[in-house]
């Protein structure tokens, strides 16, 4: 089997027969597995308390605690360990019970097919490794204050996250593009945290926020006396990020002369502080991001094409929030929890009508705008639920203008039983419809014709739903 460089799987073989324990030591390749052994379940539990074990291979029939009870104890105390049971009787019923109890698989003694035994052990090892990797990744993501961006339901974002996972495995340059506020920096950090550089620094540089006169010193450092105000040596951000990742946000704003220096750093792997006479070797991965069209900047002569191709080995384009509205609820709750905790507020939910508005809003400012709206709404929240009245009026009006015919869930009283809620929503719809056509046509006759209803019936409906405040001329025609 081709090895992947992964750490060997730690296996504990539990059997009261020394011959079986020796057989497993011989059968499992030493470059893939480290094998410990125990003569009974009590010894096995001692080993499990003292050592890190990934996989247990245990006989079912043993003196004292049998294999099934050992399986139960392992799954109760160490559920992440995979267990394969061995039986000498070939009982299908016993095998089924073992699987139901949490065993990964079972083997029948004597082992006539050693290849099949090894295959099952390798499968269990692969499942254990994959589960551990997923758990570690989930913990990394959950530790991020912006983890919700990476937990997407949107078809538009899934290819983006797949690309993030792929590019994390290599050290190639990455250019992340997309509108302002979509979370390009979050994705850059996600790439770093999934990479082999995760234990080294992640240094973020906003090229648009640093004055042009200072950005060279910020990136590459300076020596004392290099310029007015340089009263001491300064270590640049590239040196600070040595071994890790440097994220150059808004790279399109970098001055042209500094682009030349950056290109040389990327080519040579060395930086020279301003005022220095010696190069310093640095080992960093560079991820860059921009909201501008760099190809257009190249055509305009404001961005170097050779630097562009050096940065843009892998391109990731992040769609705007308007193209992935499926993610709005998760993001909204994420920001609600964050800012409610920061503000010391007991606001835990978002009402249905409020969420409806959030999903319909255009979000020209993307994820950043959504966070700002949630934070602003919390300031006005009066209970434990964020309601439509708490949202900025401009957001509510913009959502309604963007989709005036969309279902307004404020008509739905979720506290009512189903049929009563339908009746209430039906009444609200009829009232809104009748008032709407009367406002449009200003005449009972014209409104009735539009509704394709008899004029007398239409008038009776107006009275029934207490719509009597139309102009007096509305009866005419």
Protein backbone atom coordinates (compact mmCIF):
# COMPACT_ATOMS: atom_id res chain seq x y z
CA UNK A 1 0.00 0.00 0.00
CA UNK A 2 1.28 3.47 -0.83
CA UNK A 3 1.82 5.45 2.33
CA UNK A 4 0.71 9.04 2.65
CA UNK A 5 3.12 10.19 5.34
CA UNK A 6 0.37 10.14 7.96
CA UNK A 7 1.17 8.99 11.49
CA UNK A 8 0.74 5.23 12.02
CA UNK A 9 -2.60 4.04 13.38
CA UNK A 10 -2.32 2.86 16.99
CA UNK A 11 -4.03 -0.55 17.30
CA UNK A 12 -4.83 -2.47 20.47
CA UNK A 13 -5.37 -6.23 19.98
CA UNK A 14 -7.35 -7.87 22.80
CA UNK A 15 -7.38 -11.69 22.90
CA UNK A 16 -6.68 -14.29 25.55
CA UNK A 17 -4.72 -16.38 23.02
CA UNK A 18 -1.07 -15.34 22.66
CA UNK A 19 -0.98 -16.88 19.18
CA UNK A 20 -3.71 -14.51 17.95
CA UNK A 21 -1.96 -11.49 19.42
CA UNK A 22 1.31 -12.47 17.70
CA UNK A 23 -0.54 -13.08 14.42
CA UNK A 24 -1.86 -9.52 14.38
CA UNK A 25 1.61 -8.11 15.05
CA UNK A 26 2.87 -10.06 12.07
CA UNK A 27 -0.11 -9.26 9.83
CA UNK A 28 -0.23 -5.46 10.22
CA UNK A 29 2.48 -3.53 8.30
CA UNK A 30 4.76 -1.69 10.71
CA UNK A 31 4.85 1.46 8.57
CA UNK A 32 1.06 1.78 8.89
CA UNK A 33 0.26 0.42 12.36
CA UNK A 34 1.69 0.47 15.88
CA UNK A 35 0.35 -2.60 17.69
CA UNK A 36 -0.22 -2.96 21.42
CA UNK A 37 -1.71 -6.10 22.98
CA UNK A 38 -3.80 -7.12 25.97
CA UNK A 39 -4.74 -10.60 27.23
CA UNK A 40 -8.18 -9.63 28.51
CA UNK A 41 -10.60 -6.72 28.74
CA UNK A 42 -9.28 -5.49 32.11
CA UNK A 43 -5.77 -5.16 30.67
CA UNK A 44 -7.25 -3.49 27.59
CA UNK A 45 -8.99 -0.86 29.71
CA UNK A 46 -5.70 -0.16 31.50
CA UNK A 47 -3.97 0.37 28.14
CA UNK A 48 -6.77 2.65 26.97
CA UNK A 49 -6.40 4.76 30.10
CA UNK A 50 -2.64 5.07 29.64
CA UNK A 51 -2.17 5.37 25.87
CA UNK A 52 -3.72 6.99 22.82
CA UNK A 53 -5.39 4.22 20.81
CA UNK A 54 -7.14 4.66 17.46
CA UNK A 55 -8.50 1.16 16.85
CA UNK A 56 -9.31 -1.84 19.04
CA UNK A 57 -9.47 -5.39 17.62
CA UNK A 58 -11.04 -7.58 20.30
CA UNK A 59 -12.16 -11.17 20.65
CA UNK A 60 -15.77 -11.61 21.75
CA UNK A 61 -15.34 -14.69 23.95
CA UNK A 62 -12.89 -13.99 26.78
CA UNK A 63 -12.76 -14.73 30.51
CA UNK A 64 -14.22 -11.99 32.71
CA UNK A 65 -15.48 -9.06 30.67
CA UNK A 66 -16.36 -10.32 27.18
CA UNK A 67 -15.85 -8.44 23.92
CA UNK A 68 -19.41 -7.10 23.69
CA UNK A 69 -19.20 -5.54 27.17
CA UNK A 70 -15.76 -4.14 26.34
CA UNK A 71 -17.27 -2.60 23.19
CA UNK A 72 -20.01 -0.98 25.29
CA UNK A 73 -17.46 0.49 27.72
CA UNK A 74 -15.28 1.85 24.92
CA UNK A 75 -18.22 3.48 23.14
CA UNK A 76 -19.37 5.01 26.42
CA UNK A 77 -16.01 6.42 27.51
CA UNK A 78 -13.99 6.74 24.26
CA UNK A 79 -16.54 6.94 21.41
CA UNK A 80 -13.95 8.12 18.91
CA UNK A 81 -12.15 4.75 18.96
CA UNK A 82 -13.15 2.29 16.23
CA UNK A 83 -13.71 -1.32 17.33
CA UNK A 84 -13.53 -4.53 15.27
CA UNK A 85 -14.75 -7.69 17.02
CA UNK A 86 -13.49 -11.23 16.38
CA UNK A 87 -15.70 -14.27 16.83
CA UNK A 88 -14.87 -17.93 16.51
CA UNK A 89 -18.40 -19.05 15.83
CA UNK A 90 -19.41 -17.13 12.74
CA UNK A 91 -22.72 -16.15 14.32
CA UNK A 92 -24.55 -13.72 12.05
CA UNK A 93 -26.82 -12.69 14.94
CA UNK A 94 -23.82 -11.87 17.10
CA UNK A 95 -22.26 -9.88 14.27
CA UNK A 96 -25.44 -7.87 13.78
CA UNK A 97 -25.62 -7.14 17.51
CA UNK A 98 -22.00 -5.99 17.44
CA UNK A 99 -22.63 -3.57 14.57
CA UNK A 100 -25.73 -2.21 16.31
CA UNK A 101 -23.69 -1.71 19.48
CA UNK A 102 -21.22 0.46 17.58
CA UNK A 103 -18.59 -1.94 16.23
CA UNK A 104 -17.05 -0.91 12.92
CA UNK A 105 -17.01 -4.51 11.65
CA UNK A 106 -16.43 -8.10 12.74
CA UNK A 107 -14.04 -10.88 11.71
CA UNK A 108 -14.51 -14.64 11.91
CA UNK A 109 -11.76 -16.86 13.30
CA UNK A 110 -9.82 -18.64 11.96
CA UNK A 111 -8.61 -15.95 9.51
CA UNK A 112 -8.72 -17.75 6.18
CA UNK A 113 -8.58 -14.53 4.13
CA UNK A 114 -5.79 -12.36 5.50
CA UNK A 115 -6.24 -9.78 2.72
CA UNK A 116 -9.86 -9.28 3.79
CA UNK A 117 -8.79 -8.85 7.42
CA UNK A 118 -6.21 -6.25 6.47
CA UNK A 119 -8.71 -4.50 4.21
CA UNK A 120 -11.22 -4.12 7.06
CA UNK A 121 -8.56 -2.83 9.44
CA UNK A 122 -7.40 -0.29 6.87
CA UNK A 123 -10.99 0.82 6.29
CA UNK A 124 -11.51 1.35 10.02
CA UNK A 125 -8.24 3.26 10.20
CA UNK A 126 -9.26 5.50 7.29
CA UNK A 127 -12.65 6.24 8.86
CA UNK A 128 -11.00 7.10 12.18
CA UNK A 129 -8.47 9.39 10.50
CA UNK A 130 -11.15 11.14 8.44
CA UNK A 131 -13.32 11.67 11.52
CA UNK A 132 -10.38 13.14 13.42
CA UNK A 133 -9.50 15.45 10.53
CA UNK A 134 -13.10 16.64 10.26
CA UNK A 135 -13.25 17.25 14.01
CA UNK A 136 -10.01 19.24 13.94
CA UNK A 137 -11.25 21.27 11.00
CA UNK A 138 -14.59 21.88 12.70
CA UNK A 139 -12.77 23.07 15.83
CA UNK A 140 -10.63 25.42 13.75
CA UNK A 141 -13.70 26.77 12.01
CA UNK A 142 -15.69 27.11 15.24
CA UNK A 143 -12.79 28.95 16.83
CA UNK A 144 -13.02 31.58 14.11
CA UNK A 145 -15.30 34.51 14.92
CA UNK A 146 -16.64 34.28 11.38
CA UNK A 147 -17.20 30.53 11.19
CA UNK A 148 -20.74 30.92 9.81
CA UNK A 149 -19.34 32.05 6.46
CA UNK A 150 -17.81 28.59 6.04
CA UNK A 151 -20.99 26.71 6.95
CA UNK A 152 -22.88 27.33 3.73
CA UNK A 153 -26.15 26.08 2.30
CA UNK A 154 -25.66 27.97 -0.95
CA UNK A 155 -24.87 26.17 -4.22
CA UNK A 156 -22.96 29.30 -5.25
CA UNK A 157 -20.57 29.01 -2.27
CA UNK A 158 -19.91 25.26 -2.27
CA UNK A 159 -17.41 25.37 -5.17
CA UNK A 160 -15.65 28.26 -3.40
CA UNK A 161 -15.21 26.27 -0.19
CA UNK A 162 -14.14 23.18 -2.15
CA UNK A 163 -11.45 25.30 -3.81
CA UNK A 164 -10.38 26.64 -0.41
CA UNK A 165 -9.91 23.07 0.86
CA UNK A 166 -7.93 22.07 -2.25
CA UNK A 167 -5.60 25.06 -2.36
CA UNK A 168 -4.80 24.77 1.35
CA UNK A 169 -2.81 21.62 0.59
CA UNK A 170 -0.28 23.45 -1.62
CA UNK A 171 1.81 26.61 -1.25
CA UNK A 172 0.77 28.30 -4.50
CA UNK A 173 -0.22 31.96 -4.60
CA UNK A 174 -3.95 32.61 -4.27
CA UNK A 175 -5.90 35.64 -5.50
CA UNK A 176 -9.34 36.06 -3.93
CA UNK A 177 -11.70 38.42 -5.73
CA UNK A 178 -15.21 39.60 -5.02
CA UNK A 179 -17.18 42.66 -3.92
CA UNK A 180 -16.34 44.52 -0.73
CA UNK A 181 -17.69 42.82 2.37
CA UNK A 182 -18.11 39.25 1.08
CA UNK A 183 -15.55 37.79 3.49
CA UNK A 184 -12.39 37.48 1.43
CA UNK A 185 -10.26 37.82 4.55
CA UNK A 186 -12.18 35.05 6.29
CA UNK A 187 -11.48 32.70 3.38
CA UNK A 188 -7.80 33.67 3.40
CA UNK A 189 -7.58 32.76 7.08
CA UNK A 190 -9.46 29.50 6.41
CA UNK A 191 -6.85 28.55 3.80
CA UNK A 192 -4.09 29.28 6.31
CA UNK A 193 -5.77 27.29 9.10
CA UNK A 194 -6.17 24.26 6.84
CA UNK A 195 -2.58 24.42 5.57
CA UNK A 196 0.68 23.02 6.84
CA UNK A 197 1.52 26.55 8.01
CA UNK A 198 -1.39 26.69 10.47
CA UNK A 199 0.86 26.81 13.56
CA UNK A 200 2.82 29.79 12.19
CA UNK A 201 1.59 33.43 12.03
CA UNK A 202 -1.20 34.71 9.80
CA UNK A 203 -0.38 38.36 9.06
CA UNK A 204 -3.02 40.55 7.43
CA UNK A 205 -2.09 43.75 5.60
CA UNK A 206 -4.72 46.20 4.32
CA UNK A 207 -2.88 47.78 1.42
CA UNK A 208 -5.57 50.42 1.07
CA UNK A 209 -5.45 51.56 4.70
CA UNK A 210 -1.69 52.18 5.03
CA UNK A 211 -0.39 55.51 3.63
CA UNK A 212 1.78 55.08 0.54
CA UNK A 213 4.70 56.69 2.38
CA UNK A 214 4.62 54.04 5.11
CA UNK A 215 3.58 50.83 3.39
CA UNK A 216 7.12 49.85 2.32
CA UNK A 217 8.35 50.19 5.89
CA UNK A 218 5.32 48.26 7.19
CA UNK A 219 5.87 45.37 4.81
CA UNK A 220 9.66 45.08 4.82
CA UNK A 221 10.73 46.91 7.99
CA UNK A 222 13.31 49.65 8.40
CA UNK A 223 16.59 50.38 10.12
CA UNK A 224 17.08 53.09 12.69
CA UNK A 225 17.66 56.46 11.01
CA UNK A 226 16.42 55.27 7.61
CA UNK A 227 14.10 58.29 7.48
CA UNK A 228 12.76 61.02 9.72
CA UNK A 229 10.96 59.38 12.62
CA UNK A 230 12.75 56.01 12.33
CA UNK A 231 14.09 56.13 15.89
CA UNK A 232 14.62 52.37 16.12
CA UNK A 233 14.77 49.25 13.98
CA UNK A 234 11.41 47.88 12.89
CA UNK A 235 10.69 44.30 11.84
CA UNK A 236 8.43 44.25 8.77
CA UNK A 237 5.25 42.24 8.41
CA UNK A 238 6.90 39.77 6.02
CA UNK A 239 9.49 38.90 8.67
CA UNK A 240 6.77 38.74 11.34
CA UNK A 241 4.92 36.22 9.18
CA UNK A 242 7.99 34.06 8.53
CA UNK A 243 6.94 30.42 8.21
CA UNK A 244 3.30 31.39 7.90
CA UNK A 245 0.97 33.32 5.62
CA UNK A 246 0.92 36.98 4.60
CA UNK A 247 -2.50 38.16 3.43
CA UNK A 248 -2.34 41.27 1.22
CA UNK A 249 -5.86 42.66 1.27
CA UNK A 250 -6.87 45.18 -1.42
CA UNK A 251 -3.69 44.48 -3.37
CA UNK A 252 -5.06 46.63 -6.20
CA UNK A 253 -4.33 49.73 -4.07
CA UNK A 254 -0.60 49.01 -3.80
CA UNK A 255 1.57 51.76 -5.37
CA UNK A 256 3.25 50.77 -8.63
CA UNK A 257 6.81 51.23 -7.35
CA UNK A 258 6.11 48.99 -4.36
CA UNK A 259 4.67 46.33 -6.68
CA UNK A 260 8.15 46.02 -8.18
CA UNK A 261 9.70 45.37 -4.75
CA UNK A 262 6.97 42.90 -3.85
CA UNK A 263 7.57 40.96 -7.07
CA UNK A 264 11.28 40.68 -6.23
CA UNK A 265 10.47 39.44 -2.73
CA UNK A 266 8.17 36.77 -4.16
CA UNK A 267 10.81 35.71 -6.68
CA UNK A 268 13.83 35.68 -4.34
CA UNK A 269 12.27 34.88 -0.97
CA UNK A 270 14.23 37.76 0.59
CA UNK A 271 13.37 41.19 1.97
CA UNK A 272 15.60 44.17 2.61
CA UNK A 273 14.48 46.63 5.30
CA UNK A 274 14.36 50.28 4.30
CA UNK A 275 17.80 51.74 5.00
CA UNK A 276 19.34 48.30 5.38
CA UNK A 277 22.29 46.85 3.46
CA UNK A 278 21.50 43.18 3.92
CA UNK A 279 18.71 40.92 2.69
CA UNK A 280 16.75 38.79 5.15
CA UNK A 281 15.46 35.41 4.00
CA UNK A 282 11.73 34.87 4.57
CA UNK A 283 9.53 31.85 3.99
CA UNK A 284 5.93 32.96 3.60
CA UNK A 285 2.90 32.04 1.58
CA UNK A 286 1.20 35.06 0.01
CA UNK A 287 -2.57 35.24 -0.38
CA UNK A 288 -3.96 38.43 -1.90
CA UNK A 289 -7.43 39.86 -2.38
CA UNK A 290 -9.10 42.69 -4.23
CA UNK A 291 -12.52 44.02 -5.19
CA UNK A 292 -11.20 45.77 -8.32
CA UNK A 293 -10.64 44.36 -11.81
CA UNK A 294 -6.87 43.82 -11.92
CA UNK A 295 -6.94 43.04 -15.63
CA UNK A 296 -8.41 46.49 -16.22
CA UNK A 297 -5.76 47.95 -13.91
CA UNK A 298 -3.07 46.23 -15.98
CA UNK A 299 -4.54 47.71 -19.15
CA UNK A 300 -4.57 51.13 -17.49
CA UNK A 301 -0.92 50.75 -16.48
CA UNK A 302 -1.58 50.88 -12.73
CA UNK A 303 -0.82 47.21 -11.96
CA UNK A 304 2.09 45.05 -13.10
CA UNK A 305 1.11 42.08 -15.21
CA UNK A 306 4.09 39.98 -14.01
CA UNK A 307 3.05 40.53 -10.39
CA UNK A 308 -0.54 39.65 -11.28
CA UNK A 309 0.49 36.29 -12.73
CA UNK A 310 2.72 35.59 -9.73
CA UNK A 311 -0.16 36.27 -7.31
CA UNK A 312 -2.92 34.68 -9.39
CA UNK A 313 -1.72 31.07 -9.55
CA UNK A 314 -5.06 29.99 -8.11
CA UNK A 315 -8.09 32.26 -8.43
CA UNK A 316 -11.08 32.15 -6.06
CA UNK A 317 -14.04 34.41 -6.84
CA UNK A 318 -16.51 34.96 -3.98
CA UNK A 319 -20.14 35.61 -5.00
CA UNK A 320 -22.07 38.49 -3.42
CA UNK A 321 -24.51 37.75 -0.62
CA UNK A 322 -27.41 38.53 -2.96
CA UNK A 323 -26.45 35.40 -4.94
CA UNK A 324 -26.45 33.17 -1.86
CA UNK A 325 -29.49 34.19 0.14
CA UNK A 326 -29.71 30.66 1.56
CA UNK A 327 -26.86 31.66 3.88
CA UNK A 328 -28.58 34.76 5.29
CA UNK A 329 -30.38 32.98 8.21
CA UNK A 330 -27.23 31.25 9.49
CA UNK A 331 -25.19 34.43 9.16
CA UNK A 332 -27.90 36.49 10.85
CA UNK A 333 -28.04 34.15 13.85
CA UNK A 334 -24.25 34.05 13.99
CA UNK A 335 -24.02 37.85 14.20
CA UNK A 336 -27.00 37.97 16.58
CA UNK A 337 -25.24 35.66 19.03
CA UNK A 338 -21.94 37.51 18.74
CA UNK A 339 -23.26 41.03 19.27
CA UNK A 340 -25.95 40.13 21.80
CA UNK A 341 -23.25 38.58 23.97
CA UNK A 342 -20.99 41.60 23.50
CA UNK A 343 -23.79 44.03 24.37
CA UNK A 344 -25.05 41.90 27.27
CA UNK A 345 -28.49 41.41 25.71
CA UNK A 346 -30.78 38.39 26.05
CA UNK A 347 -31.92 38.36 22.42
CA UNK A 348 -31.88 34.82 21.05
CA UNK A 349 -34.21 34.58 18.04
CA UNK A 350 -35.27 36.40 14.87
CA UNK A 351 -38.97 36.60 14.04
CA UNK A 352 -40.25 35.04 10.81
CA UNK A 353 -41.22 38.38 9.26
CA UNK A 354 -37.87 39.91 10.24
CA UNK A 355 -35.98 37.02 8.63
CA UNK A 356 -38.18 37.36 5.54
CA UNK A 357 -37.03 40.97 5.14
CA UNK A 358 -33.39 40.00 5.69
CA UNK A 359 -33.61 37.32 3.00
CA UNK A 360 -35.17 39.72 0.50
CA UNK A 361 -32.80 42.65 1.04
CA UNK A 362 -30.28 43.29 -1.76
CA UNK A 363 -27.22 43.45 0.56
CA UNK A 364 -25.06 45.64 -1.64
CA UNK A 365 -22.61 45.75 1.28
CA UNK A 366 -22.69 41.96 1.54
CA UNK A 367 -21.84 40.08 4.76
CA UNK A 368 -20.39 43.19 6.38
CA UNK A 369 -23.64 45.11 5.82
CA UNK A 370 -25.69 42.24 7.27
CA UNK A 371 -23.56 42.24 10.41
CA UNK A 372 -23.95 46.02 10.79
CA UNK A 373 -27.75 45.76 10.37
CA UNK A 374 -28.02 43.02 13.01
CA UNK A 375 -25.87 45.01 15.43
CA UNK A 376 -27.97 48.15 14.86
CA UNK A 377 -31.23 46.21 15.28
CA UNK A 378 -30.08 44.83 18.62
CA UNK A 379 -29.82 48.35 20.00
CA UNK A 380 -33.59 48.76 19.54
CA UNK A 381 -34.67 45.22 20.47
CA UNK A 382 -37.20 45.20 23.32
CA UNK A 383 -37.54 41.49 24.06
CA UNK A 384 -35.80 38.19 23.45
CA UNK A 385 -36.74 38.22 19.75
CA UNK A 386 -35.48 40.50 17.00
CA UNK A 387 -38.52 41.82 15.13
CA UNK A 388 -39.18 43.74 11.96
CA UNK A 389 -39.70 46.93 13.98
CA UNK A 390 -36.10 46.68 15.20
CA UNK A 391 -34.62 46.76 11.70
CA UNK A 392 -33.50 50.04 10.13
CA UNK A 393 -36.42 51.47 8.17
CA UNK A 394 -34.30 51.76 5.03
CA UNK A 395 -33.66 48.00 5.05
CA UNK A 396 -37.36 47.17 5.42
CA UNK A 397 -38.40 49.57 2.65
CA UNK A 398 -35.63 48.38 0.32
CA UNK A 399 -36.66 44.75 0.82
CA UNK A 400 -40.29 45.54 0.06
CA UNK A 401 -39.36 47.59 -3.00
CA UNK A 402 -37.11 44.82 -4.27
CA UNK A 403 -39.92 42.25 -4.10
CA UNK A 404 -43.29 43.91 -3.50
CA UNK A 405 -45.23 40.75 -4.38
CA UNK A 406 -43.37 38.46 -2.01
CA UNK A 407 -45.29 36.79 0.79
CA UNK A 408 -45.28 38.96 3.89
CA UNK A 409 -44.98 36.55 6.80
CA UNK A 410 -46.10 39.24 9.21
CA UNK A 411 -49.64 38.11 8.26
CA UNK A 412 -48.94 34.70 9.74
CA UNK A 413 -49.64 34.37 13.46
CA UNK A 414 -47.45 31.45 14.51
CA UNK A 415 -49.13 31.32 17.92
CA UNK A 416 -52.45 30.21 16.36
CA UNK A 417 -53.46 26.65 15.42
CA UNK A 418 -53.00 25.89 11.71
CA UNK A 419 -56.58 26.44 10.53
CA UNK A 420 -57.03 29.60 12.59
CA UNK A 421 -53.73 30.93 11.25
CA UNK A 422 -54.94 30.25 7.67
CA UNK A 423 -58.18 32.12 8.36
CA UNK A 424 -56.31 35.08 9.83
CA UNK A 425 -53.84 35.19 6.94
CA UNK A 426 -56.71 34.90 4.44
CA UNK A 427 -58.50 37.85 6.02
CA UNK A 428 -55.31 39.91 5.97
CA UNK A 429 -54.75 39.05 2.30
CA UNK A 430 -58.32 39.94 1.28
CA UNK A 431 -58.15 43.24 3.17
CA UNK A 432 -54.83 44.13 1.57
CA UNK A 433 -55.98 43.13 -1.91
CA UNK A 434 -59.25 45.08 -1.74
CA UNK A 435 -57.59 48.17 -0.31
CA UNK A 436 -54.82 47.91 -2.89
CA UNK A 437 -57.10 47.80 -5.94
CA UNK A 438 -59.24 50.61 -4.52
CA UNK A 439 -56.15 52.75 -4.00
CA UNK A 440 -55.11 52.01 -7.57
CA UNK A 441 -58.43 52.55 -9.39
CA UNK A 442 -60.21 54.99 -7.02
CA UNK A 443 -63.52 53.58 -8.26
CA UNK A 444 -65.66 50.63 -7.16
CA UNK A 445 -66.64 49.84 -10.74
CA UNK A 446 -63.08 49.95 -12.08
CA UNK A 447 -61.72 47.96 -9.14
CA UNK A 448 -64.51 45.37 -9.52
CA UNK A 449 -63.75 45.00 -13.23
CA UNK A 450 -60.06 44.47 -12.46
CA UNK A 451 -60.96 41.84 -9.84
CA UNK A 452 -63.43 40.26 -12.32
CA UNK A 453 -66.19 40.47 -9.69
CA UNK A 454 -69.78 41.68 -9.74
CA UNK A 455 -69.90 45.34 -8.63
CA UNK A 456 -72.50 44.68 -5.90
CA UNK A 457 -70.56 41.72 -4.52
CA UNK A 458 -67.36 43.74 -4.61
CA UNK A 459 -69.02 46.55 -2.63
CA UNK A 460 -70.33 44.04 -0.06
CA UNK A 461 -66.80 42.71 0.38
CA UNK A 462 -65.53 46.22 0.96
CA UNK A 463 -68.06 46.69 3.72
CA UNK A 464 -67.38 43.23 5.14
CA UNK A 465 -63.67 44.02 5.52
CA UNK A 466 -64.39 47.54 6.79
CA UNK A 467 -62.87 49.33 3.81
CA UNK A 468 -65.00 52.47 3.78
CA UNK A 469 -62.39 55.21 3.71
CA UNK A 470 -62.04 55.40 -0.09
CA UNK A 471 -62.93 58.75 -1.74
CA UNK A 472 -66.60 59.51 -2.11
CA UNK A 473 -66.19 59.42 -5.84
CA UNK A 474 -65.13 55.83 -5.46
CA UNK A 475 -68.75 54.69 -5.57
CA UNK A 476 -69.16 56.21 -8.98
CA UNK A 477 -68.58 54.57 -12.29
